[in-house]
Amino acid sequence: MTDTDSKPKEQAKEPARARALLSTADFRLLRVALASHAKTTDDHEELAKINALHHRLGTYG
């Protein structure tokens, strides 16, 4: 008969760190593309969304 309580409990392993999906260069490229698109749109609502996204991407790159 074996005593299962005498076995050392396995320590919980921390999950591996997530890898970055986009590089700093990717953020710069997206900002340039958004700026180019912003120059060609006349829709004020879309332009506001583009500007907000452009700003948010700037905080990462």
C-alpha atoms as a PDB file:
ATOM      1  CA  MET A   1       0.000   0.000   0.000  1.00  0.00           C
ATOM      2  CA  THR A   2       1.384   3.415  -0.946  1.00  0.00           C
ATOM      3  CA  ASP A   3       0.699   6.657   0.774  1.00  0.00           C
ATOM      4  CA  THR A   4      -0.065   9.316  -1.855  1.00  0.00           C
ATOM      5  CA  ASP A   5       0.019  12.103   0.733  1.00  0.00           C
ATOM      6  CA  SER A   6       3.733  11.589   1.320  1.00  0.00           C
ATOM      7  CA  LYS A   7       4.638  12.592  -2.252  1.00  0.00           C
ATOM      8  CA  PRO A   8       5.813  16.181  -2.648  1.00  0.00           C
ATOM      9  CA  LYS A   9       3.197  18.338  -4.298  1.00  0.00           C
ATOM     10  CA  GLU A  10       4.098  19.652  -7.725  1.00  0.00           C
ATOM     11  CA  GLN A  11       4.554  23.389  -7.761  1.00  0.00           C
ATOM     12  CA  ALA A  12       2.359  25.241 -10.205  1.00  0.00           C
ATOM     13  CA  LYS A  13       4.379  26.487 -13.161  1.00  0.00           C
ATOM     14  CA  GLU A  14       3.791  30.015 -14.367  1.00  0.00           C
ATOM     15  CA  PRO A  15       2.626  30.280 -17.967  1.00  0.00           C
ATOM     16  CA  ALA A  16       5.215  31.306 -20.525  1.00  0.00           C
ATOM     17  CA  ARG A  17       5.323  34.990 -21.366  1.00  0.00           C
ATOM     18  CA  ALA A  18       3.355  35.901 -24.474  1.00  0.00           C
ATOM     19  CA  ARG A  19       5.388  36.888 -27.501  1.00  0.00           C
ATOM     20  CA  ALA A  20       4.877  40.307 -29.060  1.00  0.00           C
ATOM     21  CA  LEU A  21       2.549  40.274 -32.019  1.00  0.00           C
ATOM     22  CA  LEU A  22       3.921  43.422 -33.641  1.00  0.00           C
ATOM     23  CA  SER A  23       7.383  44.951 -33.668  1.00  0.00           C
ATOM     24  CA  THR A  24       8.238  48.610 -33.210  1.00  0.00           C
ATOM     25  CA  ALA A  25       8.831  48.818 -36.972  1.00  0.00           C
ATOM     26  CA  ASP A  26       5.332  47.428 -37.561  1.00  0.00           C
ATOM     27  CA  PHE A  27       3.824  50.209 -35.436  1.00  0.00           C
ATOM     28  CA  ARG A  28       5.759  52.831 -37.404  1.00  0.00           C
ATOM     29  CA  LEU A  29       4.562  51.345 -40.696  1.00  0.00           C
ATOM     30  CA  LEU A  30       0.955  51.299 -39.501  1.00  0.00           C
ATOM     31  CA  ARG A  31       1.216  54.933 -38.423  1.00  0.00           C
ATOM     32  CA  VAL A  32       2.549  55.934 -41.859  1.00  0.00           C
ATOM     33  CA  ALA A  33      -0.244  54.006 -43.587  1.00  0.00           C
ATOM     34  CA  LEU A  34      -2.874  55.617 -41.366  1.00  0.00           C
ATOM     35  CA  ALA A  35      -1.457  59.088 -42.004  1.00  0.00           C
ATOM     36  CA  SER A  36      -1.599  58.446 -45.747  1.00  0.00           C
ATOM     37  CA  HIS A  37      -5.180  57.218 -45.520  1.00  0.00           C
ATOM     38  CA  ALA A  38      -6.177  60.180 -43.352  1.00  0.00           C
ATOM     39  CA  LYS A  39      -5.045  62.552 -46.094  1.00  0.00           C
ATOM     40  CA  THR A  40      -7.406  60.930 -48.615  1.00  0.00           C
ATOM     41  CA  THR A  41     -10.605  60.620 -46.564  1.00  0.00           C
ATOM     42  CA  ASP A  42     -13.333  63.234 -46.366  1.00  0.00           C
ATOM     43  CA  ASP A  43     -15.402  61.392 -43.734  1.00  0.00           C
ATOM     44  CA  HIS A  44     -14.975  63.323 -40.472  1.00  0.00           C
ATOM     45  CA  GLU A  45     -16.060  60.374 -38.295  1.00  0.00           C
ATOM     46  CA  GLU A  46     -13.570  58.043 -39.959  1.00  0.00           C
ATOM     47  CA  LEU A  47     -10.868  60.685 -39.713  1.00  0.00           C
ATOM     48  CA  ALA A  48     -11.470  60.993 -35.965  1.00  0.00           C
ATOM     49  CA  LYS A  49     -11.117  57.211 -35.595  1.00  0.00           C
ATOM     50  CA  ILE A  50      -7.946  57.218 -37.710  1.00  0.00           C
ATOM     51  CA  ASN A  51      -6.453  60.020 -35.623  1.00  0.00           C
ATOM     52  CA  ALA A  52      -7.251  58.203 -32.375  1.00  0.00           C
ATOM     53  CA  LEU A  53      -5.712  54.962 -33.614  1.00  0.00           C
ATOM     54  CA  HIS A  54      -2.692  56.844 -34.968  1.00  0.00           C
ATOM     55  CA  HIS A  55      -2.203  58.399 -31.542  1.00  0.00           C
ATOM     56  CA  ARG A  56      -2.572  55.058 -29.721  1.00  0.00           C
ATOM     57  CA  LEU A  57      -0.077  53.373 -32.026  1.00  0.00           C
ATOM     58  CA  GLY A  58       2.353  56.197 -31.318  1.00  0.00           C
ATOM     59  CA  THR A  59       2.449  55.280 -27.650  1.00  0.00           C
ATOM     60  CA  TYR A  60       3.865  51.860 -28.551  1.00  0.00           C
ATOM     61  CA  GLY A  61       6.449  52.756 -31.134  1.00  0.00           C
END
